[in-house]
Amino acid sequence: MKSELELSDDGKAMKYYELVSCDFQINQDTITESVKTLTIKEKERK
């Protein structure tokens, strides 16, 4: 997604969004490699 902010002639801010194409593959290898970067945050004890 891409966004652009413009000002109209009367000074109002207008934000436009555009969908851009993308292509990526998810498979067992990409998931396995990604999991290695995760960290587990311990819960607070009350």
PDB file of N, CA and C in Angstrom:
ATOM      1  N   MET A   1       0.845  -1.156   0.000  1.00  0.00           N
ATOM      2  CA  MET A   1       0.000   0.000   0.000  1.00  0.00           C
ATOM      3  C   MET A   1       0.899   1.230   0.000  1.00  0.00           C
ATOM      4  N   LYS A   2       0.460   2.225  -0.716  1.00  0.00           N
ATOM      5  CA  LYS A   2       1.205   3.468  -0.826  1.00  0.00           C
ATOM      6  C   LYS A   2       0.233   4.597  -0.510  1.00  0.00           C
ATOM      7  N   SER A   3       0.692   5.624   0.196  1.00  0.00           N
ATOM      8  CA  SER A   3      -0.187   6.744   0.505  1.00  0.00           C
ATOM      9  C   SER A   3       0.483   8.055   0.118  1.00  0.00           C
ATOM     10  N   GLU A   4      -0.357   9.040  -0.131  1.00  0.00           N
ATOM     11  CA  GLU A   4       0.139  10.353  -0.518  1.00  0.00           C
ATOM     12  C   GLU A   4      -0.752  11.404   0.119  1.00  0.00           C
ATOM     13  N   LEU A   5      -0.147  12.423   0.699  1.00  0.00           N
ATOM     14  CA  LEU A   5      -0.886  13.495   1.347  1.00  0.00           C
ATOM     15  C   LEU A   5      -0.809  14.728   0.468  1.00  0.00           C
ATOM     16  N   GLU A   6      -1.966  15.338   0.186  1.00  0.00           N
ATOM     17  CA  GLU A   6      -2.023  16.550  -0.626  1.00  0.00           C
ATOM     18  C   GLU A   6      -2.891  17.573   0.080  1.00  0.00           C
ATOM     19  N   LEU A   7      -2.666  18.838  -0.247  1.00  0.00           N
ATOM     20  CA  LEU A   7      -3.522  19.904   0.259  1.00  0.00           C
ATOM     21  C   LEU A   7      -4.428  20.368  -0.867  1.00  0.00           C
ATOM     22  N   SER A   8      -5.723  20.493  -0.564  1.00  0.00           N
ATOM     23  CA  SER A   8      -6.667  20.965  -1.573  1.00  0.00           C
ATOM     24  C   SER A   8      -6.549  22.482  -1.700  1.00  0.00           C
ATOM     25  N   ASP A   9      -7.230  23.054  -2.694  1.00  0.00           N
ATOM     26  CA  ASP A   9      -7.187  24.504  -2.908  1.00  0.00           C
ATOM     27  C   ASP A   9      -7.718  25.279  -1.713  1.00  0.00           C
ATOM     28  N   ASP A  10      -8.643  24.675  -0.959  1.00  0.00           N
ATOM     29  CA  ASP A  10      -9.188  25.368   0.212  1.00  0.00           C
ATOM     30  C   ASP A  10      -8.409  25.054   1.493  1.00  0.00           C
ATOM     31  N   GLY A  11      -7.269  24.377   1.373  1.00  0.00           N
ATOM     32  CA  GLY A  11      -6.385  24.143   2.515  1.00  0.00           C
ATOM     33  C   GLY A  11      -6.644  22.864   3.290  1.00  0.00           C
ATOM     34  N   LYS A  12      -7.593  22.062   2.859  1.00  0.00           N
ATOM     35  CA  LYS A  12      -7.880  20.813   3.564  1.00  0.00           C
ATOM     36  C   LYS A  12      -6.866  19.748   3.164  1.00  0.00           C
ATOM     37  N   ALA A  13      -6.491  18.932   4.131  1.00  0.00           N
ATOM     38  CA  ALA A  13      -5.563  17.834   3.866  1.00  0.00           C
ATOM     39  C   ALA A  13      -6.345  16.657   3.293  1.00  0.00           C
ATOM     40  N   MET A  14      -5.817  16.082   2.227  1.00  0.00           N
ATOM     41  CA  MET A  14      -6.448  14.923   1.601  1.00  0.00           C
ATOM     42  C   MET A  14      -5.395  13.831   1.472  1.00  0.00           C
ATOM     43  N   LYS A  15      -5.734  12.641   1.929  1.00  0.00           N
ATOM     44  CA  LYS A  15      -4.800  11.527   1.854  1.00  0.00           C
ATOM     45  C   LYS A  15      -5.352  10.493   0.885  1.00  0.00           C
ATOM     46  N   TYR A  16      -4.517  10.113  -0.069  1.00  0.00           N
ATOM     47  CA  TYR A  16      -4.892   9.124  -1.067  1.00  0.00           C
ATOM     48  C   TYR A  16      -4.127   7.835  -0.811  1.00  0.00           C
ATOM     49  N   TYR A  17      -4.796   6.719  -1.002  1.00  0.00           N
ATOM     50  CA  TYR A  17      -4.175   5.411  -0.837  1.00  0.00           C
ATOM     51  C   TYR A  17      -4.200   4.676  -2.165  1.00  0.00           C
ATOM     52  N   GLU A  18      -3.133   3.929  -2.424  1.00  0.00           N
ATOM     53  CA  GLU A  18      -3.040   3.148  -3.655  1.00  0.00           C
ATOM     54  C   GLU A  18      -2.523   1.758  -3.313  1.00  0.00           C
ATOM     55  N   LEU A  19      -3.171   0.752  -3.852  1.00  0.00           N
ATOM     56  CA  LEU A  19      -2.685  -0.618  -3.679  1.00  0.00           C
ATOM     57  C   LEU A  19      -1.603  -0.883  -4.712  1.00  0.00           C
ATOM     58  N   VAL A  20      -0.485  -1.385  -4.252  1.00  0.00           N
ATOM     59  CA  VAL A  20       0.600  -1.736  -5.167  1.00  0.00           C
ATOM     60  C   VAL A  20       0.772  -3.252  -5.145  1.00  0.00           C
ATOM     61  N   SER A  21       1.148  -3.795  -6.256  1.00  0.00           N
ATOM     62  CA  SER A  21       1.264  -5.251  -6.328  1.00  0.00           C
ATOM     63  C   SER A  21       2.523  -5.734  -5.611  1.00  0.00           C
ATOM     64  N   CYS A  22       2.436  -6.922  -5.072  1.00  0.00           N
ATOM     65  CA  CYS A  22       3.586  -7.551  -4.429  1.00  0.00           C
ATOM     66  C   CYS A  22       3.435  -9.064  -4.597  1.00  0.00           C
ATOM     67  N   ASP A  23       4.537  -9.746  -4.461  1.00  0.00           N
ATOM     68  CA  ASP A  23       4.517 -11.194  -4.626  1.00  0.00           C
ATOM     69  C   ASP A  23       5.572 -11.793  -3.710  1.00  0.00           C
ATOM     70  N   PHE A  24       5.155 -12.627  -2.792  1.00  0.00           N
ATOM     71  CA  PHE A  24       6.113 -13.331  -1.949  1.00  0.00           C
ATOM     72  C   PHE A  24       5.583 -14.728  -1.665  1.00  0.00           C
ATOM     73  N   GLN A  25       6.504 -15.619  -1.457  1.00  0.00           N
ATOM     74  CA  GLN A  25       6.161 -17.014  -1.220  1.00  0.00           C
ATOM     75  C   GLN A  25       6.381 -17.351   0.251  1.00  0.00           C
ATOM     76  N   ILE A  26       5.433 -18.041   0.835  1.00  0.00           N
ATOM     77  CA  ILE A  26       5.577 -18.526   2.203  1.00  0.00           C
ATOM     78  C   ILE A  26       5.600 -20.050   2.130  1.00  0.00           C
ATOM     79  N   ASN A  27       6.662 -20.618   2.687  1.00  0.00           N
ATOM     80  CA  ASN A  27       6.754 -22.072   2.720  1.00  0.00           C
ATOM     81  C   ASN A  27       7.420 -22.475   4.038  1.00  0.00           C
ATOM     82  N   GLN A  28       7.636 -23.733   4.231  1.00  0.00           N
ATOM     83  CA  GLN A  28       8.201 -24.241   5.480  1.00  0.00           C
ATOM     84  C   GLN A  28       9.556 -23.612   5.776  1.00  0.00           C
ATOM     85  N   ASP A  29      10.386 -23.440   4.772  1.00  0.00           N
ATOM     86  CA  ASP A  29      11.717 -22.865   4.994  1.00  0.00           C
ATOM     87  C   ASP A  29      11.648 -21.407   5.435  1.00  0.00           C
ATOM     88  N   THR A  30      10.785 -20.601   4.802  1.00  0.00           N
ATOM     89  CA  THR A  30      10.696 -19.195   5.202  1.00  0.00           C
ATOM     90  C   THR A  30      10.117 -19.059   6.606  1.00  0.00           C
ATOM     91  N   ILE A  31       9.168 -19.911   6.957  1.00  0.00           N
ATOM     92  CA  ILE A  31       8.609 -19.879   8.310  1.00  0.00           C
ATOM     93  C   ILE A  31       9.664 -20.297   9.327  1.00  0.00           C
ATOM     94  N   THR A  32      10.402 -21.345   9.044  1.00  0.00           N
ATOM     95  CA  THR A  32      11.448 -21.823   9.951  1.00  0.00           C
ATOM     96  C   THR A  32      12.486 -20.733  10.205  1.00  0.00           C
ATOM     97  N   GLU A  33      12.910 -20.042   9.168  1.00  0.00           N
ATOM     98  CA  GLU A  33      13.896 -18.971   9.319  1.00  0.00           C
ATOM     99  C   GLU A  33      13.309 -17.783  10.078  1.00  0.00           C
ATOM    100  N   SER A  34      12.056 -17.466   9.833  1.00  0.00           N
ATOM    101  CA  SER A  34      11.415 -16.334  10.502  1.00  0.00           C
ATOM    102  C   SER A  34      11.239 -16.582  11.994  1.00  0.00           C
ATOM    103  N   VAL A  35      10.903 -17.806  12.359  1.00  0.00           N
ATOM    104  CA  VAL A  35      10.686 -18.147  13.768  1.00  0.00           C
ATOM    105  C   VAL A  35      11.956 -17.907  14.585  1.00  0.00           C
ATOM    106  N   LYS A  36      13.103 -18.085  13.984  1.00  0.00           N
ATOM    107  CA  LYS A  36      14.373 -17.881  14.695  1.00  0.00           C
ATOM    108  C   LYS A  36      14.550 -16.441  15.157  1.00  0.00           C
ATOM    109  N   THR A  37      13.843 -15.495  14.546  1.00  0.00           N
ATOM    110  CA  THR A  37      13.991 -14.082  14.901  1.00  0.00           C
ATOM    111  C   THR A  37      13.021 -13.643  15.990  1.00  0.00           C
ATOM    112  N   LEU A  38      12.087 -14.506  16.381  1.00  0.00           N
ATOM    113  CA  LEU A  38      11.080 -14.143  17.379  1.00  0.00           C
ATOM    114  C   LEU A  38      11.639 -14.217  18.794  1.00  0.00           C
ATOM    115  N   THR A  39      11.129 -13.345  19.646  1.00  0.00           N
ATOM    116  CA  THR A  39      11.467 -13.408  21.069  1.00  0.00           C
ATOM    117  C   THR A  39      10.168 -13.557  21.857  1.00  0.00           C
ATOM    118  N   ILE A  40      10.253 -14.205  22.996  1.00  0.00           N
ATOM    119  CA  ILE A  40       9.083 -14.430  23.837  1.00  0.00           C
ATOM    120  C   ILE A  40       9.182 -13.516  25.044  1.00  0.00           C
ATOM    121  N   LYS A  41       8.161 -12.686  25.211  1.00  0.00           N
ATOM    122  CA  LYS A  41       8.115 -11.772  26.345  1.00  0.00           C
ATOM    123  C   LYS A  41       7.363 -12.460  27.484  1.00  0.00           C
ATOM    124  N   GLU A  42       7.993 -12.498  28.659  1.00  0.00           N
ATOM    125  CA  GLU A  42       7.348 -13.143  29.801  1.00  0.00           C
ATOM    126  C   GLU A  42       6.216 -12.276  30.323  1.00  0.00           C
ATOM    127  N   LYS A  43       5.153 -12.932  30.807  1.00  0.00           N
ATOM    128  CA  LYS A  43       4.015 -12.214  31.367  1.00  0.00           C
ATOM    129  C   LYS A  43       4.384 -11.643  32.726  1.00  0.00           C
ATOM    130  N   GLU A  44       3.761 -10.493  33.040  1.00  0.00           N
ATOM    131  CA  GLU A  44       3.955  -9.903  34.366  1.00  0.00           C
ATOM    132  C   GLU A  44       3.208 -10.733  35.392  1.00  0.00           C
ATOM    133  N   ARG A  45       3.838 -10.948  36.518  1.00  0.00           N
ATOM    134  CA  ARG A  45       3.168 -11.680  37.599  1.00  0.00           C
ATOM    135  C   ARG A  45       2.623 -10.676  38.592  1.00  0.00           C
ATOM    136  N   LYS A  46       1.378 -10.898  39.013  1.00  0.00           N
ATOM    137  CA  LYS A  46       0.736  -9.970  39.961  1.00  0.00           C
ATOM    138  C   LYS A  46       0.746 -10.519  41.350  1.00  0.00           C
TER     139      LYS A  46
END
